PDB file of N, CA and C in Angstrom:
ATOM      1  N   MET A   1       0.811  -1.190   0.000  1.00  0.00           N
ATOM      2  CA  MET A   1       0.000   0.000   0.000  1.00  0.00           C
ATOM      3  C   MET A   1       0.862   1.264   0.000  1.00  0.00           C
ATOM      4  N   SER A   2       2.042   1.155   0.531  1.00  0.00           N
ATOM      5  CA  SER A   2       2.895   2.337   0.570  1.00  0.00           C
ATOM      6  C   SER A   2       3.216   2.834  -0.837  1.00  0.00           C
ATOM      7  N   ALA A   3       3.266   1.921  -1.815  1.00  0.00           N
ATOM      8  CA  ALA A   3       3.519   2.339  -3.195  1.00  0.00           C
ATOM      9  C   ALA A   3       2.392   3.234  -3.699  1.00  0.00           C
ATOM     10  N   PHE A   4       1.164   2.928  -3.313  1.00  0.00           N
ATOM     11  CA  PHE A   4       0.043   3.770  -3.718  1.00  0.00           C
ATOM     12  C   PHE A   4       0.152   5.156  -3.103  1.00  0.00           C
ATOM     13  N   LEU A   5       0.497   5.186  -1.839  1.00  0.00           N
ATOM     14  CA  LEU A   5       0.546   6.462  -1.131  1.00  0.00           C
ATOM     15  C   LEU A   5       1.771   7.290  -1.477  1.00  0.00           C
ATOM     16  N   SER A   6       2.805   6.670  -2.017  1.00  0.00           N
ATOM     17  CA  SER A   6       4.006   7.429  -2.362  1.00  0.00           C
ATOM     18  C   SER A   6       3.962   7.986  -3.782  1.00  0.00           C
ATOM     19  N   ASP A   7       2.935   7.624  -4.545  1.00  0.00           N
ATOM     20  CA  ASP A   7       2.776   8.132  -5.910  1.00  0.00           C
ATOM     21  C   ASP A   7       2.574   9.643  -5.858  1.00  0.00           C
ATOM     22  N   LYS A   8       3.376  10.378  -6.592  1.00  0.00           N
ATOM     23  CA  LYS A   8       3.315  11.842  -6.561  1.00  0.00           C
ATOM     24  C   LYS A   8       2.036  12.403  -7.184  1.00  0.00           C
ATOM     25  N   THR A   9       1.334  11.613  -7.983  1.00  0.00           N
ATOM     26  CA  THR A   9       0.134  12.112  -8.649  1.00  0.00           C
ATOM     27  C   THR A   9      -1.159  11.688  -7.959  1.00  0.00           C
ATOM     28  N   ILE A  10      -1.053  11.157  -6.762  1.00  0.00           N
ATOM     29  CA  ILE A  10      -2.232  10.677  -6.053  1.00  0.00           C
ATOM     30  C   ILE A  10      -3.048  11.853  -5.519  1.00  0.00           C
ATOM     31  N   CYS A  11      -4.375  11.738  -5.616  1.00  0.00           N
ATOM     32  CA  CYS A  11      -5.256  12.814  -5.146  1.00  0.00           C
ATOM     33  C   CYS A  11      -5.830  12.457  -3.775  1.00  0.00           C
ATOM     34  N   ALA A  12      -6.488  13.418  -3.163  1.00  0.00           N
ATOM     35  CA  ALA A  12      -7.016  13.240  -1.810  1.00  0.00           C
ATOM     36  C   ALA A  12      -8.004  12.082  -1.726  1.00  0.00           C
ATOM     37  N   ASN A  13      -8.884  11.929  -2.723  1.00  0.00           N
ATOM     38  CA  ASN A  13      -9.854  10.839  -2.698  1.00  0.00           C
ATOM     39  C   ASN A  13      -9.165   9.479  -2.797  1.00  0.00           C
ATOM     40  N   GLN A  14      -8.101   9.406  -3.578  1.00  0.00           N
ATOM     41  CA  GLN A  14      -7.353   8.157  -3.684  1.00  0.00           C
ATOM     42  C   GLN A  14      -6.682   7.819  -2.355  1.00  0.00           C
ATOM     43  N   ILE A  15      -6.123   8.816  -1.704  1.00  0.00           N
ATOM     44  CA  ILE A  15      -5.491   8.607  -0.395  1.00  0.00           C
ATOM     45  C   ILE A  15      -6.524   8.119   0.605  1.00  0.00           C
ATOM     46  N   GLU A  16      -7.680   8.751   0.633  1.00  0.00           N
ATOM     47  CA  GLU A  16      -8.734   8.358   1.558  1.00  0.00           C
ATOM     48  C   GLU A  16      -9.192   6.925   1.282  1.00  0.00           C
ATOM     49  N   PHE A  17      -9.335   6.580   0.008  1.00  0.00           N
ATOM     50  CA  PHE A  17      -9.770   5.238  -0.375  1.00  0.00           C
ATOM     51  C   PHE A  17      -8.747   4.198   0.090  1.00  0.00           C
ATOM     52  N   ILE A  18      -7.480   4.423  -0.193  1.00  0.00           N
ATOM     53  CA  ILE A  18      -6.430   3.486   0.209  1.00  0.00           C
ATOM     54  C   ILE A  18      -6.347   3.392   1.731  1.00  0.00           C
ATOM     55  N   ASN A  19      -6.508   4.510   2.420  1.00  0.00           N
ATOM     56  CA  ASN A  19      -6.506   4.473   3.884  1.00  0.00           C
ATOM     57  C   ASN A  19      -7.658   3.623   4.413  1.00  0.00           C
ATOM     58  N   MET A  20      -8.808   3.677   3.749  1.00  0.00           N
ATOM     59  CA  MET A  20      -9.942   2.838   4.144  1.00  0.00           C
ATOM     60  C   MET A  20      -9.629   1.359   3.913  1.00  0.00           C
ATOM     61  N   VAL A  21      -8.948   1.055   2.812  1.00  0.00           N
ATOM     62  CA  VAL A  21      -8.540  -0.326   2.548  1.00  0.00           C
ATOM     63  C   VAL A  21      -7.589  -0.798   3.647  1.00  0.00           C
ATOM     64  N   ILE A  22      -6.629   0.026   3.985  1.00  0.00           N
ATOM     65  CA  ILE A  22      -5.668  -0.321   5.044  1.00  0.00           C
ATOM     66  C   ILE A  22      -6.394  -0.545   6.369  1.00  0.00           C
ATOM     67  N   GLU A  23      -7.333   0.333   6.683  1.00  0.00           N
ATOM     68  CA  GLU A  23      -8.098   0.202   7.924  1.00  0.00           C
ATOM     69  C   GLU A  23      -8.885  -1.111   7.933  1.00  0.00           C
ATOM     70  N   HIS A  24      -9.513  -1.438   6.802  1.00  0.00           N
ATOM     71  CA  HIS A  24     -10.272  -2.680   6.706  1.00  0.00           C
ATOM     72  C   HIS A  24      -9.348  -3.891   6.897  1.00  0.00           C
ATOM     73  N   LEU A  25      -8.204  -3.873   6.236  1.00  0.00           N
ATOM     74  CA  LEU A  25      -7.258  -4.977   6.361  1.00  0.00           C
ATOM     75  C   LEU A  25      -6.735  -5.096   7.792  1.00  0.00           C
ATOM     76  N   THR A  26      -6.531  -3.975   8.439  1.00  0.00           N
ATOM     77  CA  THR A  26      -6.057  -3.981   9.826  1.00  0.00           C
ATOM     78  C   THR A  26      -7.095  -4.626  10.744  1.00  0.00           C
ATOM     79  N   ARG A  27      -8.353  -4.307  10.520  1.00  0.00           N
ATOM     80  CA  ARG A  27      -9.424  -4.841  11.366  1.00  0.00           C
ATOM     81  C   ARG A  27      -9.763  -6.293  11.060  1.00  0.00           C
ATOM     82  N   HIS A  28      -9.784  -6.636   9.765  1.00  0.00           N
ATOM     83  CA  HIS A  28     -10.309  -7.936   9.358  1.00  0.00           C
ATOM     84  C   HIS A  28      -9.255  -8.901   8.815  1.00  0.00           C
ATOM     85  N   GLY A  29      -8.082  -8.403   8.504  1.00  0.00           N
ATOM     86  CA  GLY A  29      -7.006  -9.258   8.041  1.00  0.00           C
ATOM     87  C   GLY A  29      -6.994  -9.538   6.551  1.00  0.00           C
ATOM     88  N   THR A  30      -8.129  -9.474   5.907  1.00  0.00           N
ATOM     89  CA  THR A  30      -8.229  -9.752   4.479  1.00  0.00           C
ATOM     90  C   THR A  30      -9.489  -9.096   3.923  1.00  0.00           C
ATOM     91  N   MET A  31      -9.543  -9.025   2.608  1.00  0.00           N
ATOM     92  CA  MET A  31     -10.756  -8.556   1.932  1.00  0.00           C
ATOM     93  C   MET A  31     -10.689  -8.991   0.477  1.00  0.00           C
ATOM     94  N   THR A  32     -11.837  -9.023  -0.166  1.00  0.00           N
ATOM     95  CA  THR A  32     -11.894  -9.396  -1.575  1.00  0.00           C
ATOM     96  C   THR A  32     -11.950  -8.140  -2.429  1.00  0.00           C
ATOM     97  N   ALA A  33     -11.635  -8.296  -3.695  1.00  0.00           N
ATOM     98  CA  ALA A  33     -11.722  -7.171  -4.626  1.00  0.00           C
ATOM     99  C   ALA A  33     -13.167  -6.693  -4.745  1.00  0.00           C
ATOM    100  N   ALA A  34     -14.110  -7.590  -4.636  1.00  0.00           N
ATOM    101  CA  ALA A  34     -15.527  -7.225  -4.736  1.00  0.00           C
ATOM    102  C   ALA A  34     -15.931  -6.225  -3.658  1.00  0.00           C
ATOM    103  N   GLN A  35     -15.307  -6.299  -2.509  1.00  0.00           N
ATOM    104  CA  GLN A  35     -15.633  -5.380  -1.422  1.00  0.00           C
ATOM    105  C   GLN A  35     -15.279  -3.935  -1.746  1.00  0.00           C
ATOM    106  N   LEU A  36     -14.386  -3.731  -2.705  1.00  0.00           N
ATOM    107  CA  LEU A  36     -14.031  -2.367  -3.103  1.00  0.00           C
ATOM    108  C   LEU A  36     -15.220  -1.650  -3.752  1.00  0.00           C
ATOM    109  N   TYR A  37     -16.235  -2.423  -4.150  1.00  0.00           N
ATOM    110  CA  TYR A  37     -17.421  -1.884  -4.814  1.00  0.00           C
ATOM    111  C   TYR A  37     -18.621  -1.823  -3.884  1.00  0.00           C
ATOM    112  N   GLU A  38     -18.376  -1.975  -2.592  1.00  0.00           N
ATOM    113  CA  GLU A  38     -19.429  -1.983  -1.579  1.00  0.00           C
ATOM    114  C   GLU A  38     -19.149  -0.905  -0.532  1.00  0.00           C
ATOM    115  N   PRO A  39     -20.179  -0.570   0.263  1.00  0.00           N
ATOM    116  CA  PRO A  39     -19.937   0.348   1.371  1.00  0.00           C
ATOM    117  C   PRO A  39     -18.896  -0.235   2.320  1.00  0.00           C
ATOM    118  N   PRO A  40     -18.069   0.533   2.929  1.00  0.00           N
ATOM    119  CA  PRO A  40     -18.030   1.992   2.969  1.00  0.00           C
ATOM    120  C   PRO A  40     -17.259   2.616   1.800  1.00  0.00           C
ATOM    121  N   PHE A  41     -16.665   1.786   0.956  1.00  0.00           N
ATOM    122  CA  PHE A  41     -15.830   2.302  -0.133  1.00  0.00           C
ATOM    123  C   PHE A  41     -16.631   3.098  -1.161  1.00  0.00           C
ATOM    124  N   THR A  42     -17.906   2.756  -1.315  1.00  0.00           N
ATOM    125  CA  THR A  42     -18.737   3.480  -2.275  1.00  0.00           C
ATOM    126  C   THR A  42     -19.079   4.886  -1.782  1.00  0.00           C
ATOM    127  N   GLY A  43     -18.776   5.169  -0.533  1.00  0.00           N
ATOM    128  CA  GLY A  43     -18.943   6.529  -0.035  1.00  0.00           C
ATOM    129  C   GLY A  43     -17.957   7.491  -0.685  1.00  0.00           C
ATOM    130  N   ILE A  44     -16.812   6.973  -1.081  1.00  0.00           N
ATOM    131  CA  ILE A  44     -15.792   7.780  -1.753  1.00  0.00           C
ATOM    132  C   ILE A  44     -15.891   7.622  -3.260  1.00  0.00           C
ATOM    133  N   ALA A  45     -16.137   6.389  -3.688  1.00  0.00           N
ATOM    134  CA  ALA A  45     -16.218   6.076  -5.124  1.00  0.00           C
ATOM    135  C   ALA A  45     -17.526   5.338  -5.373  1.00  0.00           C
ATOM    136  N   PRO A  46     -18.628   6.077  -5.564  1.00  0.00           N
ATOM    137  CA  PRO A  46     -19.949   5.456  -5.682  1.00  0.00           C
ATOM    138  C   PRO A  46     -20.060   4.366  -6.750  1.00  0.00           C
ATOM    139  N   ARG A  47     -19.315   4.481  -7.824  1.00  0.00           N
ATOM    140  CA  ARG A  47     -19.362   3.468  -8.886  1.00  0.00           C
ATOM    141  C   ARG A  47     -18.171   2.517  -8.811  1.00  0.00           C
ATOM    142  N   GLY A  48     -17.437   2.584  -7.725  1.00  0.00           N
ATOM    143  CA  GLY A  48     -16.294   1.705  -7.540  1.00  0.00           C
ATOM    144  C   GLY A  48     -14.973   2.400  -7.790  1.00  0.00           C
ATOM    145  N   PRO A  49     -13.888   1.723  -7.483  1.00  0.00           N
ATOM    146  CA  PRO A  49     -12.558   2.323  -7.584  1.00  0.00           C
ATOM    147  C   PRO A  49     -12.123   2.616  -9.016  1.00  0.00           C
ATOM    148  N   ASP A  50     -12.859   2.104  -9.990  1.00  0.00           N
ATOM    149  CA  ASP A  50     -12.524   2.353 -11.398  1.00  0.00           C
ATOM    150  C   ASP A  50     -12.500   3.847 -11.732  1.00  0.00           C
ATOM    151  N   ILE A  51     -13.289   4.631 -10.992  1.00  0.00           N
ATOM    152  CA  ILE A  51     -13.316   6.071 -11.264  1.00  0.00           C
ATOM    153  C   ILE A  51     -12.158   6.808 -10.601  1.00  0.00           C
ATOM    154  N   LEU A  52     -11.524   6.162  -9.625  1.00  0.00           N
ATOM    155  CA  LEU A  52     -10.412   6.793  -8.921  1.00  0.00           C
ATOM    156  C   LEU A  52      -9.048   6.414  -9.478  1.00  0.00           C
ATOM    157  N   PHE A  53      -8.929   5.181  -9.969  1.00  0.00           N
ATOM    158  CA  PHE A  53      -7.628   4.647 -10.355  1.00  0.00           C
ATOM    159  C   PHE A  53      -7.635   4.194 -11.812  1.00  0.00           C
ATOM    160  N   THR A  54      -6.469   4.251 -12.429  1.00  0.00           N
ATOM    161  CA  THR A  54      -6.326   3.687 -13.769  1.00  0.00           C
ATOM    162  C   THR A  54      -6.484   2.170 -13.648  1.00  0.00           C
ATOM    163  N   SER A  55      -6.739   1.518 -14.756  1.00  0.00           N
ATOM    164  CA  SER A  55      -6.907   0.063 -14.717  1.00  0.00           C
ATOM    165  C   SER A  55      -5.630  -0.619 -14.214  1.00  0.00           C
ATOM    166  N   GLU A  56      -4.482  -0.062 -14.563  1.00  0.00           N
ATOM    167  CA  GLU A  56      -3.211  -0.626 -14.097  1.00  0.00           C
ATOM    168  C   GLU A  56      -3.086  -0.521 -12.584  1.00  0.00           C
ATOM    169  N   ARG A  57      -3.402   0.639 -12.040  1.00  0.00           N
ATOM    170  CA  ARG A  57      -3.296   0.841 -10.588  1.00  0.00           C
ATOM    171  C   ARG A  57      -4.320  -0.015  -9.846  1.00  0.00           C
ATOM    172  N   LEU A  58      -5.514  -0.153 -10.423  1.00  0.00           N
ATOM    173  CA  LEU A  58      -6.534  -0.976  -9.800  1.00  0.00           C
ATOM    174  C   LEU A  58      -6.100  -2.442  -9.796  1.00  0.00           C
ATOM    175  N   THR A  59      -5.503  -2.889 -10.880  1.00  0.00           N
ATOM    176  CA  THR A  59      -4.973  -4.249 -10.936  1.00  0.00           C
ATOM    177  C   THR A  59      -3.907  -4.446  -9.870  1.00  0.00           C
ATOM    178  N   ASP A  60      -3.033  -3.459  -9.698  1.00  0.00           N
ATOM    179  CA  ASP A  60      -2.010  -3.522  -8.647  1.00  0.00           C
ATOM    180  C   ASP A  60      -2.652  -3.680  -7.268  1.00  0.00           C
ATOM    181  N   LEU A  61      -3.716  -2.929  -7.024  1.00  0.00           N
ATOM    182  CA  LEU A  61      -4.407  -2.994  -5.743  1.00  0.00           C
ATOM    183  C   LEU A  61      -5.021  -4.376  -5.535  1.00  0.00           C
ATOM    184  N   ILE A  62      -5.629  -4.920  -6.555  1.00  0.00           N
ATOM    185  CA  ILE A  62      -6.248  -6.244  -6.450  1.00  0.00           C
ATOM    186  C   ILE A  62      -5.188  -7.316  -6.203  1.00  0.00           C
ATOM    187  N   VAL A  63      -4.050  -7.201  -6.850  1.00  0.00           N
ATOM    188  CA  VAL A  63      -2.945  -8.143  -6.627  1.00  0.00           C
ATOM    189  C   VAL A  63      -2.495  -8.068  -5.169  1.00  0.00           C
ATOM    190  N   ILE A  64      -2.402  -6.874  -4.627  1.00  0.00           N
ATOM    191  CA  ILE A  64      -2.015  -6.700  -3.225  1.00  0.00           C
ATOM    192  C   ILE A  64      -3.024  -7.397  -2.326  1.00  0.00           C
ATOM    193  N   LEU A  65      -4.308  -7.206  -2.600  1.00  0.00           N
ATOM    194  CA  LEU A  65      -5.354  -7.842  -1.772  1.00  0.00           C
ATOM    195  C   LEU A  65      -5.260  -9.366  -1.853  1.00  0.00           C
ATOM    196  N   GLU A  66      -4.985  -9.890  -3.045  1.00  0.00           N
ATOM    197  CA  GLU A  66      -4.840 -11.343  -3.201  1.00  0.00           C
ATOM    198  C   GLU A  66      -3.599 -11.856  -2.476  1.00  0.00           C
ATOM    199  N   ASP A  67      -2.523 -11.071  -2.516  1.00  0.00           N
ATOM    200  CA  ASP A  67      -1.302 -11.468  -1.791  1.00  0.00           C
ATOM    201  C   ASP A  67      -1.544 -11.491  -0.282  1.00  0.00           C
ATOM    202  N   VAL A  68      -2.266 -10.512   0.214  1.00  0.00           N
ATOM    203  CA  VAL A  68      -2.576 -10.461   1.649  1.00  0.00           C
ATOM    204  C   VAL A  68      -3.429 -11.669   2.036  1.00  0.00           C
ATOM    205  N   LYS A  69      -4.401 -12.000   1.196  1.00  0.00           N
ATOM    206  CA  LYS A  69      -5.266 -13.133   1.472  1.00  0.00           C
ATOM    207  C   LYS A  69      -4.495 -14.451   1.497  1.00  0.00           C
ATOM    208  N   ALA A  70      -3.517 -14.564   0.587  1.00  0.00           N
ATOM    209  CA  ALA A  70      -2.727 -15.801   0.513  1.00  0.00           C
ATOM    210  C   ALA A  70      -1.823 -15.896   1.727  1.00  0.00           C
TER     211      ALA A  70
END
């Protein structure tokens, strides 16, 4: 996740979204990519993270979630 937060072009909504992912992982230990399209994440990105991140960055995030789960 630090790679996401260290990106110089990251905006406030992206930071908030990633912080929510980190908080969720801290509390629950794992999460699925599908959860990125559900509350509370839809409070920041109502149509999902696709509107916040490029497809490449979103793929990176999903890979991270799968690595954490494994």
